[in-house]
Every structure is written in structure tokens, then in C-alpha cells.
Protein backbone atom coordinates (compact mmCIF):
# COMPACT_ATOMS: atom_id res chain seq x y z
CA UNK A 1 -6.73 -1.43 -11.72
CA UNK A 2 -3.39 0.31 -11.64
CA UNK A 3 -2.05 0.94 -8.10
CA UNK A 4 1.39 1.89 -6.80
CA UNK A 5 3.72 0.72 -4.11
CA UNK A 6 6.38 3.16 -2.88
CA UNK A 7 9.81 1.98 -1.71
CA UNK A 8 13.13 3.49 -0.69
CA UNK A 9 15.62 2.66 -3.43
CA UNK A 10 17.31 -0.31 -1.63
CA UNK A 11 14.07 -2.15 -0.83
CA UNK A 12 12.48 -1.31 -4.17
CA UNK A 13 15.41 -2.86 -5.98
CA UNK A 14 15.15 -5.94 -3.81
CA UNK A 15 11.49 -6.20 -4.51
CA UNK A 16 12.23 -6.00 -8.23
CA UNK A 17 15.10 -8.48 -8.25
CA UNK A 18 13.18 -11.03 -6.11
CA UNK A 19 9.83 -10.26 -7.80
CA UNK A 20 7.98 -9.99 -4.50
CA UNK A 21 6.12 -7.58 -2.23
CA UNK A 22 6.43 -7.21 1.57
CA UNK A 23 3.27 -8.13 3.53
CA UNK A 24 2.85 -6.15 6.65
CA UNK A 25 1.21 -7.88 9.66
CA UNK A 26 -1.50 -5.56 11.03
CA UNK A 27 0.27 -5.07 14.41
CA UNK A 28 3.29 -3.57 12.47
CA UNK A 29 1.42 -0.94 10.57
CA UNK A 30 2.34 2.72 11.27
CA UNK A 31 -1.18 3.72 12.40
CA UNK A 32 -2.05 2.59 15.89
CA UNK A 33 -5.76 3.05 14.99
CA UNK A 34 -5.65 0.37 12.28
CA UNK A 35 -8.89 -1.68 12.57
CA UNK A 36 -9.71 0.39 15.64
CA UNK A 37 -11.56 3.32 13.93
CA UNK A 38 -14.56 2.31 16.09
CA UNK A 39 -15.93 4.63 18.79
CA UNK A 40 -14.73 2.77 21.89
CA UNK A 41 -16.67 4.78 24.46
CA UNK A 42 -18.67 1.77 25.64
CA UNK A 43 -16.86 -1.02 27.50
CA UNK A 44 -18.56 -3.88 25.59
CA UNK A 45 -17.55 -2.29 22.27
CA UNK A 46 -13.94 -1.99 23.43
CA UNK A 47 -13.87 -5.68 24.39
CA UNK A 48 -15.34 -6.73 21.06
CA UNK A 49 -12.91 -4.43 19.07
CA UNK A 50 -9.84 -5.66 20.99
CA UNK A 51 -10.72 -9.37 20.22
CA UNK A 52 -11.60 -8.54 16.60
CA UNK A 53 -8.19 -6.82 16.01
CA UNK A 54 -6.40 -9.66 17.71
CA UNK A 55 -8.02 -12.35 15.51
CA UNK A 56 -7.56 -10.40 12.33
CA UNK A 57 -3.88 -9.63 13.24
CA UNK A 58 -3.02 -13.28 13.82
CA UNK A 59 -3.98 -14.53 10.43
CA UNK A 60 -3.66 -11.66 7.91
CA UNK A 61 -1.35 -9.09 6.65
CA UNK A 62 -1.82 -6.36 4.08
CA UNK A 63 -0.08 -4.81 1.10
CA UNK A 64 -0.84 -1.07 0.86
CA UNK A 65 -1.02 0.63 -2.48
CA UNK A 66 -1.74 4.17 -3.58
CA UNK A 67 -4.07 4.93 -6.53
CA UNK A 68 -1.60 7.40 -8.01
CA UNK A 69 2.09 8.19 -7.90
CA UNK A 70 1.93 12.00 -8.29
CA UNK A 71 1.38 12.83 -4.57
CA UNK A 72 4.69 14.31 -3.37
CA UNK A 73 4.00 13.44 0.26
CA UNK A 74 4.05 9.75 -0.64
CA UNK A 75 7.45 10.19 -2.19
CA UNK A 76 8.66 12.07 0.86
CA UNK A 77 7.31 9.60 3.37
CA UNK A 78 7.61 6.23 1.76
CA UNK A 79 10.25 6.63 -0.96
CA UNK A 80 13.20 8.07 0.86
CA UNK A 81 12.44 11.78 0.11
CA UNK A 82 12.04 11.24 -3.59
CA UNK A 83 15.19 9.09 -3.81
CA UNK A 84 13.20 5.92 -4.08
CA UNK A 85 10.88 4.29 -6.59
CA UNK A 86 7.17 3.55 -7.11
CA UNK A 87 6.08 0.28 -8.58
CA UNK A 88 2.86 0.16 -10.59
CA UNK A 89 0.81 -3.08 -10.48
CA UNK A 90 -2.32 -4.20 -12.15
CA UNK A 91 -4.56 -5.74 -9.39
CA UNK A 92 -8.15 -6.86 -9.93
CA UNK A 93 -10.40 -4.16 -8.32
CA UNK A 94 -12.55 -6.77 -6.61
CA UNK A 95 -9.63 -7.81 -4.45
CA UNK A 96 -8.81 -4.38 -3.20
CA UNK A 97 -10.29 -2.61 -0.15
CA UNK A 98 -10.65 1.19 -0.93
CA UNK A 99 -9.92 3.16 2.15
CA UNK A 100 -12.61 5.53 3.36
CA UNK A 101 -11.29 8.51 5.22
CA UNK A 102 -13.42 9.92 8.02
CA UNK A 103 -13.41 12.81 10.60
CA UNK A 104 -14.94 10.85 13.41
CA UNK A 105 -14.76 7.29 14.67
CA UNK A 106 -17.47 4.87 13.63
CA UNK A 107 -20.45 4.36 15.88
CA UNK A 108 -21.67 0.81 15.71
CA UNK A 109 -25.41 0.00 15.37
CA UNK A 110 -26.99 -0.92 18.68
CA UNK A 111 -27.61 -4.51 17.52
CA UNK A 112 -24.19 -5.02 15.98
CA UNK A 113 -23.47 -7.80 18.36
CA UNK A 114 -26.67 -9.71 17.64
CA UNK A 115 -27.28 -9.26 13.86
CA UNK A 116 -25.09 -11.24 11.57
CA UNK A 117 -25.68 -8.71 8.71
CA UNK A 118 -24.90 -5.78 11.02
CA UNK A 119 -21.76 -7.40 12.29
CA UNK A 120 -20.52 -8.17 8.76
CA UNK A 121 -21.11 -4.66 7.61
CA UNK A 122 -19.21 -3.28 10.60
CA UNK A 123 -16.25 -5.70 9.90
CA UNK A 124 -16.08 -4.56 6.29
CA UNK A 125 -16.20 -0.94 7.38
CA UNK A 126 -13.34 -1.39 9.86
CA UNK A 127 -11.23 -3.02 7.18
CA UNK A 128 -11.49 0.03 5.02
CA UNK A 129 -11.63 3.14 7.29
CA UNK A 130 -8.86 5.52 8.41
CA UNK A 131 -8.78 8.99 9.74
CA UNK A 132 -8.98 11.82 7.26
CA UNK A 133 -5.41 12.98 7.89
CA UNK A 134 -4.21 9.89 6.00
CA UNK A 135 -6.31 10.75 2.96
CA UNK A 136 -3.27 11.98 0.97
CA UNK A 137 -2.30 8.32 0.60
CA UNK A 138 -5.37 7.49 -1.46
CA UNK A 139 -4.93 3.96 -0.24
CA UNK A 140 -6.19 0.64 -1.70
CA UNK A 141 -5.44 -2.41 0.46
CA UNK A 142 -4.85 -5.97 -0.53
CA UNK A 143 -5.38 -8.51 2.25
CA UNK A 144 -3.05 -11.56 2.26
CA UNK A 145 -3.46 -14.56 4.56
CA UNK A 146 0.04 -14.95 6.25
CA UNK A 147 -0.09 -18.67 5.88
CA UNK A 148 0.06 -18.23 2.10
CA UNK A 149 3.07 -15.94 2.30
CA UNK A 150 6.75 -16.68 2.22
CA UNK A 151 8.37 -15.94 5.64
CA UNK A 152 11.98 -14.98 6.29
CA UNK A 153 12.51 -14.48 10.01
CA UNK A 154 9.71 -12.35 11.21
CA UNK A 155 9.00 -10.86 7.72
CA UNK A 156 6.48 -12.01 5.14
CA UNK A 157 6.42 -11.72 1.35
CA UNK A 158 4.14 -12.38 -1.54
CA UNK A 159 5.48 -12.96 -4.96
CA UNK A 160 4.41 -11.05 -8.09
CA UNK A 161 1.70 -13.14 -9.65
CA UNK A 162 -1.40 -13.03 -11.80
CA UNK A 163 -3.22 -10.80 -9.22
CA UNK A 164 -0.33 -8.50 -8.64
CA UNK A 165 1.20 -7.92 -12.12
CA UNK A 166 4.09 -5.48 -12.29
CA UNK A 167 3.53 -3.02 -15.16
CA UNK A 168 5.49 0.08 -14.35
CA UNK A 169 8.54 1.45 -12.54
CA UNK A 170 8.70 5.16 -11.67
CA UNK A 171 12.04 6.47 -10.60
CA UNK A 172 11.98 9.23 -8.01
CA UNK A 173 12.98 12.82 -8.93
CA UNK A 174 16.07 12.47 -6.72
CA UNK A 175 16.80 8.78 -7.63
CA UNK A 176 20.46 7.96 -8.12
CA UNK A 177 21.26 5.11 -10.53
CA UNK A 178 22.24 1.80 -9.01
CA UNK A 179 23.57 0.69 -12.46
CA UNK A 180 21.12 -2.34 -12.44
CA UNK A 181 21.22 -2.56 -16.23
CA UNK A 182 20.64 -6.25 -16.33
CA UNK A 183 17.63 -6.06 -14.12
CA UNK A 184 16.15 -3.20 -16.12
CA UNK A 185 16.61 -5.20 -19.32
CA UNK A 186 14.90 -8.19 -17.83
CA UNK A 187 11.95 -6.14 -16.59
CA UNK A 188 11.60 -4.35 -19.98
CA UNK A 189 11.58 -7.75 -21.70
CA UNK A 190 8.73 -8.72 -19.41
CA UNK A 191 6.64 -5.69 -20.53
CA UNK A 192 7.40 -3.33 -17.68
CA UNK A 193 7.71 0.33 -18.57
CA UNK A 194 9.98 2.88 -16.99
CA UNK A 195 9.54 6.60 -16.37
CA UNK A 196 11.13 9.40 -14.27
CA UNK A 197 9.16 11.70 -11.96
CA UNK A 198 9.84 15.41 -11.65
CA UNK A 199 8.11 18.32 -9.95
CA UNK A 200 5.45 20.19 -11.90
CA UNK A 201 6.34 23.65 -13.11
CA UNK A 202 2.96 25.19 -12.28
CA UNK A 203 1.53 22.96 -9.57
CA UNK A 204 2.54 20.95 -6.57
CA UNK A 205 2.32 17.40 -7.87
CA UNK A 206 4.90 15.07 -9.37
CA UNK A 207 4.63 14.55 -13.15
CA UNK A 208 6.48 12.41 -15.89
CA UNK A 209 9.75 13.69 -17.10
CA UNK A 210 9.36 14.06 -20.91
CA UNK A 211 12.87 14.95 -21.92
CA UNK A 212 14.73 11.73 -22.77
CA UNK A 213 18.11 13.19 -21.73
CA UNK A 214 16.78 13.65 -18.15
CA UNK A 215 15.40 10.16 -17.77
CA UNK A 216 17.09 8.31 -15.00
CA UNK A 217 18.29 4.74 -15.22
CA UNK A 218 17.63 1.95 -12.82
């Protein structure tokens, strides 16, 4: 399944040159409701949810992808106001959590603390639920155990591999060349394709630039 990771230019180039993706610990994600989409009106549910989030956060990080690169808000928010890049990866769909966007917080079944099946269903739902205001991201999430990641200081990284295969580099509409000709040559020799984004003429999405003279260079 083709999914995309957005980066400011500096960090996108670093990801490409080092062939790796940043893995975000759950406590560092930009939504304070991550894994807390549960209705916490009852004290016992609050206690369980707090413990659940703590356990999940200690051992796991995530790599967030978007299903498409044409959403201008993604470029604005995560790719330096269209000055950055989007990296397209082929990832087995079975490894990805598709995010479900909801209006209201999840109400657990009354027996969620006693039924193993009910508990597992709730955990899976929490892993893949966010508020509907985030729906523009069209997010797919890859969970990575932090113990399997490379750590540098307080940061974690996962190398490109057979489950995250780089296939595509999309340069933002306002991207300015970094003159990384050697890196571009290496990536192309590895089968990675390049294209440039531009604003649609009739709509409000980003679309591929077709004119060769207007293609940007890495």
C-alpha cells in the first residue's frame, strides 16, 4: 500500500540521506487525546485509560503516514508550508492501522474490564481512533517497538527496510533546490521516482507538475 510521510526540507533530506524514518513516542505526539479517545466520565474508566496509555507509551512509538499527498493542509502543517517534501513508501497494509475519525469519544462496553474479547476490541479501537477534526490527514499508522529502533539521544529512528520501501519523492510547490544531485542520482538508481507538486488550476488540491521545465530538483 502506498502511503506518504511529510517533512520540512531539512529533515526530509536527512531522512533520505540516512535512509531512515523518525519514530515518535506516543507522549510526544501533537494530539493530547492520543490513545485517550475514550469517554472518561467514569472514574474507573479514567484509571484504566491512564494505565493503558502509560504502558503503551513506554514500549512503543509510531510512524504516521498519509494515504495521499494531494491534501494542501498536510503540506502547510507538516512540510514547511509547501517548502518541504513528501516521501512515498510501500508498506504492507496488514501492518498499518487506519485511523477512524469520530465526532464523539468512545463509550466502552459495560463488561470491557471483564471480557478478554471486549478488552481487545477496545484496545484496537483506541489504537486507531482520533477526533474528526484530524480527518484531513487521512492517517495510516505503523507501530514500532522502541527497543527495535535506533536511538540518538532522546530520538528514535527506524531504517528503510522491506516493510517500508521508499518508492517516491514529491517535492513541494515551494521547494528550493538543495543541490543534492548525488543523493538524487543514488535514489533514482534504487528505483525511486521523483515528481513536483503544484496547485490545481480548477480545484483546491495539489497535483503533479507535468511540464518538464518546471520540475524541481532535489
